């Protein structure tokens, strides 16, 4: 089993923020307003795969699975994230995002940015 954030794919014509709100509502009992989201990272390349990472600064509801494919949801202390049980590379960018940095990767290079277009 790998630990990862709540996520999924955006639908045709759907904004990334709307997709985040929808995916969270489909998979959990947490409710998020898209105005409370902040994009914090773009990891990967558009040619293969791009992971757009958002953080929610306000939410309501309970952290429990709604969708059968979600086996377990759990909060981890920031200083005890289970990197060995997370997707490869998470240890390279996630600590920086949690420090408040905005990140964009191009290949193996991760750079800090001031904002996203």
PDB file of N, CA and C in Angstrom:
ATOM      1  N   UNK A   1       0.846  -1.185   0.000  1.00  0.00           N
ATOM      2  CA  UNK A   1       0.000   0.000   0.000  1.00  0.00           C
ATOM      3  C   UNK A   1       0.888   1.243   0.000  1.00  0.00           C
ATOM      4  N   UNK A   2       0.492   2.243  -0.766  1.00  0.00           N
ATOM      5  CA  UNK A   2       1.181   3.530  -0.815  1.00  0.00           C
ATOM      6  C   UNK A   2       0.277   4.594  -0.216  1.00  0.00           C
ATOM      7  N   UNK A   3       0.862   5.474   0.596  1.00  0.00           N
ATOM      8  CA  UNK A   3       0.137   6.644   1.095  1.00  0.00           C
ATOM      9  C   UNK A   3       0.262   7.741   0.053  1.00  0.00           C
ATOM     10  N   UNK A   4      -0.818   8.410  -0.212  1.00  0.00           N
ATOM     11  CA  UNK A   4      -0.839   9.506  -1.171  1.00  0.00           C
ATOM     12  C   UNK A   4      -1.958  10.466  -0.791  1.00  0.00           C
ATOM     13  N   UNK A   5      -1.979  11.610  -1.416  1.00  0.00           N
ATOM     14  CA  UNK A   5      -3.058  12.559  -1.171  1.00  0.00           C
ATOM     15  C   UNK A   5      -4.318  12.149  -1.905  1.00  0.00           C
ATOM     16  N   UNK A   6      -5.404  12.784  -1.580  1.00  0.00           N
ATOM     17  CA  UNK A   6      -6.668  12.553  -2.279  1.00  0.00           C
ATOM     18  C   UNK A   6      -6.519  13.138  -3.674  1.00  0.00           C
ATOM     19  N   UNK A   7      -6.952  12.419  -4.680  1.00  0.00           N
ATOM     20  CA  UNK A   7      -6.766  12.950  -6.024  1.00  0.00           C
ATOM     21  C   UNK A   7      -7.546  12.205  -7.080  1.00  0.00           C
ATOM     22  N   UNK A   8      -7.308  12.611  -8.302  1.00  0.00           N
ATOM     23  CA  UNK A   8      -7.979  11.997  -9.439  1.00  0.00           C
ATOM     24  C   UNK A   8      -7.694  12.804 -10.684  1.00  0.00           C
ATOM     25  N   UNK A   9      -8.584  12.709 -11.625  1.00  0.00           N
ATOM     26  CA  UNK A   9      -8.419  13.351 -12.925  1.00  0.00           C
ATOM     27  C   UNK A   9      -9.468  14.439 -13.122  1.00  0.00           C
ATOM     28  N   UNK A  10      -9.104  15.477 -13.846  1.00  0.00           N
ATOM     29  CA  UNK A  10     -10.095  16.498 -14.193  1.00  0.00           C
ATOM     30  C   UNK A  10     -10.863  16.022 -15.419  1.00  0.00           C
ATOM     31  N   UNK A  11     -12.113  16.406 -15.479  1.00  0.00           N
ATOM     32  CA  UNK A  11     -12.964  16.060 -16.609  1.00  0.00           C
ATOM     33  C   UNK A  11     -12.852  17.153 -17.672  1.00  0.00           C
ATOM     34  N   UNK A  12     -13.237  16.837 -18.895  1.00  0.00           N
ATOM     35  CA  UNK A  12     -13.164  17.790 -20.000  1.00  0.00           C
ATOM     36  C   UNK A  12     -13.951  19.044 -19.634  1.00  0.00           C
ATOM     37  N   UNK A  13     -13.302  20.202 -19.735  1.00  0.00           N
ATOM     38  CA  UNK A  13     -13.941  21.473 -19.442  1.00  0.00           C
ATOM     39  C   UNK A  13     -13.982  21.840 -17.969  1.00  0.00           C
ATOM     40  N   UNK A  14     -13.470  20.996 -17.120  1.00  0.00           N
ATOM     41  CA  UNK A  14     -13.499  21.234 -15.677  1.00  0.00           C
ATOM     42  C   UNK A  14     -12.204  21.910 -15.239  1.00  0.00           C
ATOM     43  N   UNK A  15     -12.307  22.943 -14.416  1.00  0.00           N
ATOM     44  CA  UNK A  15     -11.100  23.584 -13.902  1.00  0.00           C
ATOM     45  C   UNK A  15     -10.421  22.630 -12.921  1.00  0.00           C
ATOM     46  N   UNK A  16      -9.129  22.844 -12.710  1.00  0.00           N
ATOM     47  CA  UNK A  16      -8.412  22.011 -11.746  1.00  0.00           C
ATOM     48  C   UNK A  16      -9.014  22.141 -10.350  1.00  0.00           C
ATOM     49  N   UNK A  17      -9.376  23.365  -9.979  1.00  0.00           N
ATOM     50  CA  UNK A  17      -9.965  23.593  -8.653  1.00  0.00           C
ATOM     51  C   UNK A  17     -11.299  22.857  -8.506  1.00  0.00           C
ATOM     52  N   UNK A  18     -12.140  22.911  -9.541  1.00  0.00           N
ATOM     53  CA  UNK A  18     -13.412  22.185  -9.488  1.00  0.00           C
ATOM     54  C   UNK A  18     -13.173  20.686  -9.405  1.00  0.00           C
ATOM     55  N   UNK A  19     -12.157  20.189 -10.108  1.00  0.00           N
ATOM     56  CA  UNK A  19     -11.832  18.762 -10.051  1.00  0.00           C
ATOM     57  C   UNK A  19     -11.385  18.361  -8.648  1.00  0.00           C
ATOM     58  N   UNK A  20     -10.585  19.205  -8.003  1.00  0.00           N
ATOM     59  CA  UNK A  20     -10.129  18.905  -6.634  1.00  0.00           C
ATOM     60  C   UNK A  20     -11.320  18.817  -5.695  1.00  0.00           C
ATOM     61  N   UNK A  21     -12.204  19.788  -5.754  1.00  0.00           N
ATOM     62  CA  UNK A  21     -13.391  19.796  -4.892  1.00  0.00           C
ATOM     63  C   UNK A  21     -14.240  18.547  -5.146  1.00  0.00           C
ATOM     64  N   UNK A  22     -14.460  18.210  -6.418  1.00  0.00           N
ATOM     65  CA  UNK A  22     -15.270  17.038  -6.771  1.00  0.00           C
ATOM     66  C   UNK A  22     -14.617  15.745  -6.285  1.00  0.00           C
ATOM     67  N   UNK A  23     -13.320  15.585  -6.531  1.00  0.00           N
ATOM     68  CA  UNK A  23     -12.622  14.359  -6.130  1.00  0.00           C
ATOM     69  C   UNK A  23     -12.640  14.180  -4.607  1.00  0.00           C
ATOM     70  N   UNK A  24     -12.429  15.259  -3.874  1.00  0.00           N
ATOM     71  CA  UNK A  24     -12.475  15.169  -2.417  1.00  0.00           C
ATOM     72  C   UNK A  24     -13.869  14.734  -1.963  1.00  0.00           C
ATOM     73  N   UNK A  25     -14.909  15.316  -2.559  1.00  0.00           N
ATOM     74  CA  UNK A  25     -16.289  14.972  -2.183  1.00  0.00           C
ATOM     75  C   UNK A  25     -16.637  13.539  -2.574  1.00  0.00           C
ATOM     76  N   UNK A  26     -16.110  13.056  -3.698  1.00  0.00           N
ATOM     77  CA  UNK A  26     -16.399  11.685  -4.127  1.00  0.00           C
ATOM     78  C   UNK A  26     -15.704  10.643  -3.256  1.00  0.00           C
ATOM     79  N   UNK A  27     -14.506  10.967  -2.786  1.00  0.00           N
ATOM     80  CA  UNK A  27     -13.690   9.978  -2.087  1.00  0.00           C
ATOM     81  C   UNK A  27     -13.775  10.045  -0.565  1.00  0.00           C
ATOM     82  N   UNK A  28     -14.218  11.188  -0.018  1.00  0.00           N
ATOM     83  CA  UNK A  28     -14.210  11.371   1.433  1.00  0.00           C
ATOM     84  C   UNK A  28     -15.485  12.084   1.884  1.00  0.00           C
ATOM     85  N   UNK A  29     -15.594  12.270   3.175  1.00  0.00           N
ATOM     86  CA  UNK A  29     -16.682  13.066   3.745  1.00  0.00           C
ATOM     87  C   UNK A  29     -16.205  14.468   4.112  1.00  0.00           C
ATOM     88  N   UNK A  30     -15.134  14.894   3.464  1.00  0.00           N
ATOM     89  CA  UNK A  30     -14.597  16.233   3.660  1.00  0.00           C
ATOM     90  C   UNK A  30     -15.165  17.145   2.576  1.00  0.00           C
ATOM     91  N   UNK A  31     -15.551  18.348   2.955  1.00  0.00           N
ATOM     92  CA  UNK A  31     -16.043  19.341   1.998  1.00  0.00           C
ATOM     93  C   UNK A  31     -15.078  20.513   1.961  1.00  0.00           C
ATOM     94  N   UNK A  32     -14.741  20.930   0.743  1.00  0.00           N
ATOM     95  CA  UNK A  32     -13.813  22.035   0.526  1.00  0.00           C
ATOM     96  C   UNK A  32     -14.440  23.002  -0.462  1.00  0.00           C
ATOM     97  N   UNK A  33     -14.304  24.283  -0.203  1.00  0.00           N
ATOM     98  CA  UNK A  33     -14.709  25.327  -1.134  1.00  0.00           C
ATOM     99  C   UNK A  33     -13.508  25.626  -2.028  1.00  0.00           C
ATOM    100  N   UNK A  34     -13.720  25.733  -3.328  1.00  0.00           N
ATOM    101  CA  UNK A  34     -12.578  25.938  -4.227  1.00  0.00           C
ATOM    102  C   UNK A  34     -11.836  27.247  -3.941  1.00  0.00           C
ATOM    103  N   UNK A  35     -12.491  28.205  -3.310  1.00  0.00           N
ATOM    104  CA  UNK A  35     -11.817  29.460  -2.954  1.00  0.00           C
ATOM    105  C   UNK A  35     -10.845  29.288  -1.791  1.00  0.00           C
ATOM    106  N   UNK A  36     -10.917  28.144  -1.113  1.00  0.00           N
ATOM    107  CA  UNK A  36     -10.007  27.855  -0.006  1.00  0.00           C
ATOM    108  C   UNK A  36      -8.843  26.968  -0.430  1.00  0.00           C
ATOM    109  N   UNK A  37      -8.698  26.762  -1.741  1.00  0.00           N
ATOM    110  CA  UNK A  37      -7.595  25.968  -2.275  1.00  0.00           C
ATOM    111  C   UNK A  37      -6.468  26.874  -2.744  1.00  0.00           C
ATOM    112  N   UNK A  38      -5.257  26.361  -2.626  1.00  0.00           N
ATOM    113  CA  UNK A  38      -4.095  27.069  -3.146  1.00  0.00           C
ATOM    114  C   UNK A  38      -3.225  26.052  -3.870  1.00  0.00           C
ATOM    115  N   UNK A  39      -2.922  26.332  -5.116  1.00  0.00           N
ATOM    116  CA  UNK A  39      -2.027  25.453  -5.869  1.00  0.00           C
ATOM    117  C   UNK A  39      -0.625  25.649  -5.332  1.00  0.00           C
ATOM    118  N   UNK A  40       0.036  24.532  -4.989  1.00  0.00           N
ATOM    119  CA  UNK A  40       1.357  24.619  -4.375  1.00  0.00           C
ATOM    120  C   UNK A  40       2.451  23.925  -5.187  1.00  0.00           C
ATOM    121  N   UNK A  41       2.067  23.091  -6.164  1.00  0.00           N
ATOM    122  CA  UNK A  41       3.107  22.409  -6.939  1.00  0.00           C
ATOM    123  C   UNK A  41       2.573  21.874  -8.250  1.00  0.00           C
ATOM    124  N   UNK A  42       3.460  21.849  -9.236  1.00  0.00           N
ATOM    125  CA  UNK A  42       3.262  21.148 -10.504  1.00  0.00           C
ATOM    126  C   UNK A  42       4.450  20.207 -10.627  1.00  0.00           C
ATOM    127  N   UNK A  43       4.186  18.920 -10.527  1.00  0.00           N
ATOM    128  CA  UNK A  43       5.238  17.925 -10.542  1.00  0.00           C
ATOM    129  C   UNK A  43       5.069  17.059 -11.785  1.00  0.00           C
ATOM    130  N   UNK A  44       6.129  16.899 -12.574  1.00  0.00           N
ATOM    131  CA  UNK A  44       6.087  16.094 -13.783  1.00  0.00           C
ATOM    132  C   UNK A  44       6.111  16.965 -15.015  1.00  0.00           C
ATOM    133  N   UNK A  45       5.846  16.339 -16.147  1.00  0.00           N
ATOM    134  CA  UNK A  45       5.825  17.079 -17.408  1.00  0.00           C
ATOM    135  C   UNK A  45       4.505  16.854 -18.121  1.00  0.00           C
ATOM    136  N   UNK A  46       4.085  17.807 -18.901  1.00  0.00           N
ATOM    137  CA  UNK A  46       2.823  17.682 -19.624  1.00  0.00           C
ATOM    138  C   UNK A  46       2.866  16.557 -20.645  1.00  0.00           C
ATOM    139  N   UNK A  47       4.064  16.201 -21.166  1.00  0.00           N
ATOM    140  CA  UNK A  47       4.165  15.148 -22.166  1.00  0.00           C
ATOM    141  C   UNK A  47       3.806  13.781 -21.590  1.00  0.00           C
ATOM    142  N   UNK A  48       4.090  13.567 -20.314  1.00  0.00           N
ATOM    143  CA  UNK A  48       3.825  12.265 -19.723  1.00  0.00           C
ATOM    144  C   UNK A  48       2.718  12.349 -18.676  1.00  0.00           C
ATOM    145  N   UNK A  49       2.928  13.143 -17.675  1.00  0.00           N
ATOM    146  CA  UNK A  49       1.986  13.213 -16.560  1.00  0.00           C
ATOM    147  C   UNK A  49       2.321  14.449 -15.744  1.00  0.00           C
ATOM    148  N   UNK A  50       1.307  15.168 -15.347  1.00  0.00           N
ATOM    149  CA  UNK A  50       1.546  16.312 -14.476  1.00  0.00           C
ATOM    150  C   UNK A  50       0.661  16.199 -13.256  1.00  0.00           C
ATOM    151  N   UNK A  51       1.299  16.216 -12.109  1.00  0.00           N
ATOM    152  CA  UNK A  51       0.601  16.200 -10.834  1.00  0.00           C
ATOM    153  C   UNK A  51       0.459  17.645 -10.376  1.00  0.00           C
ATOM    154  N   UNK A  52      -0.766  18.117 -10.280  1.00  0.00           N
ATOM    155  CA  UNK A  52      -1.041  19.457  -9.758  1.00  0.00           C
ATOM    156  C   UNK A  52      -1.446  19.285  -8.309  1.00  0.00           C
ATOM    157  N   UNK A  53      -0.692  19.889  -7.404  1.00  0.00           N
ATOM    158  CA  UNK A  53      -0.898  19.708  -5.972  1.00  0.00           C
ATOM    159  C   UNK A  53      -1.540  20.966  -5.398  1.00  0.00           C
ATOM    160  N   UNK A  54      -2.634  20.761  -4.677  1.00  0.00           N
ATOM    161  CA  UNK A  54      -3.342  21.857  -4.022  1.00  0.00           C
ATOM    162  C   UNK A  54      -3.389  21.584  -2.530  1.00  0.00           C
ATOM    163  N   UNK A  55      -3.405  22.643  -1.756  1.00  0.00           N
ATOM    164  CA  UNK A  55      -3.635  22.538  -0.317  1.00  0.00           C
ATOM    165  C   UNK A  55      -4.927  23.275  -0.001  1.00  0.00           C
ATOM    166  N   UNK A  56      -5.694  22.703   0.913  1.00  0.00           N
ATOM    167  CA  UNK A  56      -6.918  23.352   1.373  1.00  0.00           C
ATOM    168  C   UNK A  56      -6.627  23.972   2.736  1.00  0.00           C
ATOM    169  N   UNK A  57      -6.995  25.217   2.875  1.00  0.00           N
ATOM    170  CA  UNK A  57      -6.717  25.923   4.121  1.00  0.00           C
ATOM    171  C   UNK A  57      -7.928  25.994   5.046  1.00  0.00           C
ATOM    172  N   UNK A  58      -9.071  25.555   4.540  1.00  0.00           N
ATOM    173  CA  UNK A  58     -10.280  25.415   5.350  1.00  0.00           C
ATOM    174  C   UNK A  58     -11.049  24.234   4.777  1.00  0.00           C
ATOM    175  N   UNK A  59     -11.680  23.485   5.628  1.00  0.00           N
ATOM    176  CA  UNK A  59     -12.531  22.386   5.196  1.00  0.00           C
ATOM    177  C   UNK A  59     -13.468  22.038   6.330  1.00  0.00           C
ATOM    178  N   UNK A  60     -14.455  21.213   6.016  1.00  0.00           N
ATOM    179  CA  UNK A  60     -15.362  20.715   7.043  1.00  0.00           C
ATOM    180  C   UNK A  60     -15.613  19.241   6.769  1.00  0.00           C
ATOM    181  N   UNK A  61     -16.142  18.562   7.751  1.00  0.00           N
ATOM    182  CA  UNK A  61     -16.455  17.149   7.591  1.00  0.00           C
ATOM    183  C   UNK A  61     -15.457  16.247   8.281  1.00  0.00           C
ATOM    184  N   UNK A  62     -15.669  14.961   8.093  1.00  0.00           N
ATOM    185  CA  UNK A  62     -14.858  13.928   8.743  1.00  0.00           C
ATOM    186  C   UNK A  62     -13.912  13.283   7.737  1.00  0.00           C
ATOM    187  N   UNK A  63     -12.712  12.975   8.196  1.00  0.00           N
ATOM    188  CA  UNK A  63     -11.740  12.288   7.356  1.00  0.00           C
ATOM    189  C   UNK A  63     -12.015  10.782   7.440  1.00  0.00           C
ATOM    190  N   UNK A  64     -12.925  10.356   6.581  1.00  0.00           N
ATOM    191  CA  UNK A  64     -13.189   8.924   6.476  1.00  0.00           C
ATOM    192  C   UNK A  64     -13.540   8.616   5.025  1.00  0.00           C
ATOM    193  N   UNK A  65     -13.185   7.414   4.573  1.00  0.00           N
ATOM    194  CA  UNK A  65     -13.410   7.055   3.174  1.00  0.00           C
ATOM    195  C   UNK A  65     -14.894   6.979   2.817  1.00  0.00           C
ATOM    196  N   UNK A  66     -15.210   7.460   1.626  1.00  0.00           N
ATOM    197  CA  UNK A  66     -16.561   7.353   1.088  1.00  0.00           C
ATOM    198  C   UNK A  66     -16.574   6.345  -0.061  1.00  0.00           C
ATOM    199  N   UNK A  67     -15.543   6.345  -0.858  1.00  0.00           N
ATOM    200  CA  UNK A  67     -15.441   5.493  -2.037  1.00  0.00           C
ATOM    201  C   UNK A  67     -14.768   4.167  -1.655  1.00  0.00           C
ATOM    202  N   UNK A  68     -15.275   3.036  -2.128  1.00  0.00           N
ATOM    203  CA  UNK A  68     -14.696   1.737  -1.761  1.00  0.00           C
ATOM    204  C   UNK A  68     -13.219   1.571  -2.128  1.00  0.00           C
ATOM    205  N   UNK A  69     -12.751   2.248  -3.161  1.00  0.00           N
ATOM    206  CA  UNK A  69     -11.337   2.108  -3.553  1.00  0.00           C
ATOM    207  C   UNK A  69     -10.395   2.787  -2.554  1.00  0.00           C
ATOM    208  N   UNK A  70     -10.929   3.676  -1.717  1.00  0.00           N
ATOM    209  CA  UNK A  70     -10.125   4.335  -0.687  1.00  0.00           C
ATOM    210  C   UNK A  70     -10.209   3.478   0.575  1.00  0.00           C
ATOM    211  N   UNK A  71      -9.117   2.809   0.895  1.00  0.00           N
ATOM    212  CA  UNK A  71      -9.122   1.862   2.012  1.00  0.00           C
ATOM    213  C   UNK A  71      -8.969   2.547   3.364  1.00  0.00           C
ATOM    214  N   UNK A  72      -8.129   3.579   3.418  1.00  0.00           N
ATOM    215  CA  UNK A  72      -7.874   4.244   4.696  1.00  0.00           C
ATOM    216  C   UNK A  72      -7.425   5.672   4.448  1.00  0.00           C
ATOM    217  N   UNK A  73      -7.866   6.575   5.290  1.00  0.00           N
ATOM    218  CA  UNK A  73      -7.404   7.960   5.299  1.00  0.00           C
ATOM    219  C   UNK A  73      -6.818   8.227   6.672  1.00  0.00           C
ATOM    220  N   UNK A  74      -5.737   8.981   6.694  1.00  0.00           N
ATOM    221  CA  UNK A  74      -5.069   9.203   7.975  1.00  0.00           C
ATOM    222  C   UNK A  74      -4.286  10.504   7.919  1.00  0.00           C
ATOM    223  N   UNK A  75      -4.331  11.278   8.993  1.00  0.00           N
ATOM    224  CA  UNK A  75      -3.477  12.448   9.139  1.00  0.00           C
ATOM    225  C   UNK A  75      -2.142  11.976   9.712  1.00  0.00           C
ATOM    226  N   UNK A  76      -1.047  12.521   9.202  1.00  0.00           N
ATOM    227  CA  UNK A  76       0.276  12.226   9.740  1.00  0.00           C
ATOM    228  C   UNK A  76       0.895  13.517  10.262  1.00  0.00           C
ATOM    229  N   UNK A  77       1.621  13.454  11.371  1.00  0.00           N
ATOM    230  CA  UNK A  77       2.382  14.636  11.783  1.00  0.00           C
ATOM    231  C   UNK A  77       3.407  14.970  10.694  1.00  0.00           C
ATOM    232  N   UNK A  78       3.601  16.249  10.454  1.00  0.00           N
ATOM    233  CA  UNK A  78       4.513  16.676   9.382  1.00  0.00           C
ATOM    234  C   UNK A  78       5.907  16.083   9.567  1.00  0.00           C
ATOM    235  N   UNK A  79       6.355  15.953  10.793  1.00  0.00           N
ATOM    236  CA  UNK A  79       7.702  15.428  11.032  1.00  0.00           C
ATOM    237  C   UNK A  79       7.755  13.897  11.046  1.00  0.00           C
ATOM    238  N   UNK A  80       6.625  13.246  10.745  1.00  0.00           N
ATOM    239  CA  UNK A  80       6.594  11.779  10.718  1.00  0.00           C
ATOM    240  C   UNK A  80       5.905  11.249   9.464  1.00  0.00           C
ATOM    241  N   UNK A  81       6.096  11.929   8.348  1.00  0.00           N
ATOM    242  CA  UNK A  81       5.505  11.460   7.097  1.00  0.00           C
ATOM    243  C   UNK A  81       6.165  10.147   6.683  1.00  0.00           C
ATOM    244  N   UNK A  82       5.386   9.176   6.219  1.00  0.00           N
ATOM    245  CA  UNK A  82       5.921   7.845   5.899  1.00  0.00           C
ATOM    246  C   UNK A  82       6.508   7.766   4.477  1.00  0.00           C
ATOM    247  N   UNK A  83       7.566   8.526   4.220  1.00  0.00           N
ATOM    248  CA  UNK A  83       8.126   8.589   2.867  1.00  0.00           C
ATOM    249  C   UNK A  83       8.438   7.228   2.256  1.00  0.00           C
ATOM    250  N   UNK A  84       8.938   6.239   3.014  1.00  0.00           N
ATOM    251  CA  UNK A  84       9.185   4.933   2.399  1.00  0.00           C
ATOM    252  C   UNK A  84       7.911   4.267   1.852  1.00  0.00           C
ATOM    253  N   UNK A  85       6.750   4.638   2.390  1.00  0.00           N
ATOM    254  CA  UNK A  85       5.484   4.081   1.917  1.00  0.00           C
ATOM    255  C   UNK A  85       4.734   5.050   0.988  1.00  0.00           C
ATOM    256  N   UNK A  86       5.428   6.074   0.508  1.00  0.00           N
ATOM    257  CA  UNK A  86       4.831   7.042  -0.416  1.00  0.00           C
ATOM    258  C   UNK A  86       5.465   6.860  -1.787  1.00  0.00           C
ATOM    259  N   UNK A  87       4.897   7.513  -2.789  1.00  0.00           N
ATOM    260  CA  UNK A  87       5.425   7.399  -4.149  1.00  0.00           C
ATOM    261  C   UNK A  87       6.838   7.976  -4.219  1.00  0.00           C
ATOM    262  N   UNK A  88       7.704   7.357  -5.029  1.00  0.00           N
ATOM    263  CA  UNK A  88       9.084   7.839  -5.153  1.00  0.00           C
ATOM    264  C   UNK A  88       9.128   9.325  -5.514  1.00  0.00           C
ATOM    265  N   UNK A  89      10.024  10.033  -4.882  1.00  0.00           N
ATOM    266  CA  UNK A  89      10.197  11.461  -5.144  1.00  0.00           C
ATOM    267  C   UNK A  89       9.420  12.361  -4.209  1.00  0.00           C
ATOM    268  N   UNK A  90       8.440  11.823  -3.498  1.00  0.00           N
ATOM    269  CA  UNK A  90       7.650  12.641  -2.571  1.00  0.00           C
ATOM    270  C   UNK A  90       8.534  13.323  -1.540  1.00  0.00           C
ATOM    271  N   UNK A  91       9.587  12.633  -1.126  1.00  0.00           N
ATOM    272  CA  UNK A  91      10.491  13.200  -0.122  1.00  0.00           C
ATOM    273  C   UNK A  91      11.303  14.371  -0.656  1.00  0.00           C
ATOM    274  N   UNK A  92      11.321  14.542  -1.983  1.00  0.00           N
ATOM    275  CA  UNK A  92      12.069  15.647  -2.596  1.00  0.00           C
ATOM    276  C   UNK A  92      11.265  16.943  -2.621  1.00  0.00           C
ATOM    277  N   UNK A  93       9.949  16.834  -2.835  1.00  0.00           N
ATOM    278  CA  UNK A  93       9.151  18.052  -2.997  1.00  0.00           C
ATOM    279  C   UNK A  93       8.171  18.318  -1.855  1.00  0.00           C
ATOM    280  N   UNK A  94       7.608  17.290  -1.246  1.00  0.00           N
ATOM    281  CA  UNK A  94       6.575  17.516  -0.232  1.00  0.00           C
ATOM    282  C   UNK A  94       7.063  18.308   0.983  1.00  0.00           C
ATOM    283  N   UNK A  95       8.251  18.036   1.524  1.00  0.00           N
ATOM    284  CA  UNK A  95       8.702  18.859   2.658  1.00  0.00           C
ATOM    285  C   UNK A  95       8.821  20.341   2.297  1.00  0.00           C
ATOM    286  N   UNK A  96       9.234  20.646   1.074  1.00  0.00           N
ATOM    287  CA  UNK A  96       9.357  22.045   0.646  1.00  0.00           C
ATOM    288  C   UNK A  96       7.984  22.705   0.547  1.00  0.00           C
ATOM    289  N   UNK A  97       7.000  21.976   0.020  1.00  0.00           N
ATOM    290  CA  UNK A  97       5.637  22.498  -0.067  1.00  0.00           C
ATOM    291  C   UNK A  97       5.092  22.764   1.337  1.00  0.00           C
ATOM    292  N   UNK A  98       5.361  21.857   2.256  1.00  0.00           N
ATOM    293  CA  UNK A  98       4.872  22.027   3.626  1.00  0.00           C
ATOM    294  C   UNK A  98       5.563  23.180   4.343  1.00  0.00           C
ATOM    295  N   UNK A  99       6.725  23.612   3.834  1.00  0.00           N
ATOM    296  CA  UNK A  99       7.402  24.803   4.364  1.00  0.00           C
ATOM    297  C   UNK A  99       6.831  26.084   3.762  1.00  0.00           C
ATOM    298  N   UNK A 100       5.898  25.941   2.811  1.00  0.00           N
ATOM    299  CA  UNK A 100       5.272  27.105   2.204  1.00  0.00           C
ATOM    300  C   UNK A 100       5.816  27.492   0.838  1.00  0.00           C
ATOM    301  N   UNK A 101       6.688  26.668   0.274  1.00  0.00           N
ATOM    302  CA  UNK A 101       7.251  26.978  -1.039  1.00  0.00           C
ATOM    303  C   UNK A 101       6.319  26.506  -2.145  1.00  0.00           C
ATOM    304  N   UNK A 102       6.307  27.237  -3.263  1.00  0.00           N
ATOM    305  CA  UNK A 102       5.589  26.838  -4.468  1.00  0.00           C
ATOM    306  C   UNK A 102       6.614  26.210  -5.398  1.00  0.00           C
ATOM    307  N   UNK A 103       6.312  25.031  -5.927  1.00  0.00           N
ATOM    308  CA  UNK A 103       7.304  24.292  -6.696  1.00  0.00           C
ATOM    309  C   UNK A 103       6.793  23.878  -8.067  1.00  0.00           C
ATOM    310  N   UNK A 104       7.737  23.812  -8.995  1.00  0.00           N
ATOM    311  CA  UNK A 104       7.445  23.341 -10.345  1.00  0.00           C
ATOM    312  C   UNK A 104       8.619  22.472 -10.764  1.00  0.00           C
ATOM    313  N   UNK A 105       8.314  21.308 -11.328  1.00  0.00           N
ATOM    314  CA  UNK A 105       9.404  20.449 -11.774  1.00  0.00           C
ATOM    315  C   UNK A 105       9.416  20.363 -13.291  1.00  0.00           C
ATOM    316  N   UNK A 106      10.609  20.273 -13.813  1.00  0.00           N
ATOM    317  CA  UNK A 106      10.831  20.010 -15.232  1.00  0.00           C
ATOM    318  C   UNK A 106      11.858  18.887 -15.273  1.00  0.00           C
ATOM    319  N   UNK A 107      11.394  17.693 -15.566  1.00  0.00           N
ATOM    320  CA  UNK A 107      12.273  16.536 -15.493  1.00  0.00           C
ATOM    321  C   UNK A 107      12.638  16.269 -14.047  1.00  0.00           C
ATOM    322  N   UNK A 108      13.921  16.120 -13.776  1.00  0.00           N
ATOM    323  CA  UNK A 108      14.391  15.859 -12.414  1.00  0.00           C
ATOM    324  C   UNK A 108      14.644  17.140 -11.631  1.00  0.00           C
ATOM    325  N   UNK A 109      14.542  18.281 -12.284  1.00  0.00           N
ATOM    326  CA  UNK A 109      14.824  19.571 -11.664  1.00  0.00           C
ATOM    327  C   UNK A 109      13.563  20.146 -11.025  1.00  0.00           C
ATOM    328  N   UNK A 110      13.607  20.405  -9.727  1.00  0.00           N
ATOM    329  CA  UNK A 110      12.493  21.043  -9.018  1.00  0.00           C
ATOM    330  C   UNK A 110      12.927  22.455  -8.670  1.00  0.00           C
ATOM    331  N   UNK A 111      12.135  23.437  -9.102  1.00  0.00           N
ATOM    332  CA  UNK A 111      12.477  24.826  -8.831  1.00  0.00           C
ATOM    333  C   UNK A 111      11.339  25.506  -8.066  1.00  0.00           C
ATOM    334  N   UNK A 112      11.719  26.494  -7.289  1.00  0.00           N
ATOM    335  CA  UNK A 112      10.743  27.293  -6.560  1.00  0.00           C
ATOM    336  C   UNK A 112      10.244  28.391  -7.490  1.00  0.00           C
ATOM    337  N   UNK A 113       8.931  28.639  -7.460  1.00  0.00           N
ATOM    338  CA  UNK A 113       8.333  29.699  -8.263  1.00  0.00           C
ATOM    339  C   UNK A 113       7.596  30.655  -7.340  1.00  0.00           C
ATOM    340  N   UNK A 114       7.321  31.838  -7.852  1.00  0.00           N
ATOM    341  CA  UNK A 114       6.590  32.827  -7.053  1.00  0.00           C
ATOM    342  C   UNK A 114       5.083  32.661  -7.159  1.00  0.00           C
ATOM    343  N   UNK A 115       4.608  32.182  -8.344  1.00  0.00           N
ATOM    344  CA  UNK A 115       3.179  31.977  -8.559  1.00  0.00           C
ATOM    345  C   UNK A 115       3.003  31.048  -9.744  1.00  0.00           C
ATOM    346  N   UNK A 116       1.765  30.581  -9.922  1.00  0.00           N
ATOM    347  CA  UNK A 116       1.415  29.759 -11.067  1.00  0.00           C
ATOM    348  C   UNK A 116       0.561  30.560 -12.018  1.00  0.00           C
ATOM    349  N   UNK A 117       0.758  30.328 -13.303  1.00  0.00           N
ATOM    350  CA  UNK A 117      -0.035  31.045 -14.320  1.00  0.00           C
ATOM    351  C   UNK A 117      -1.455  30.560 -14.342  1.00  0.00           C
TER     352      UNK A 117
END
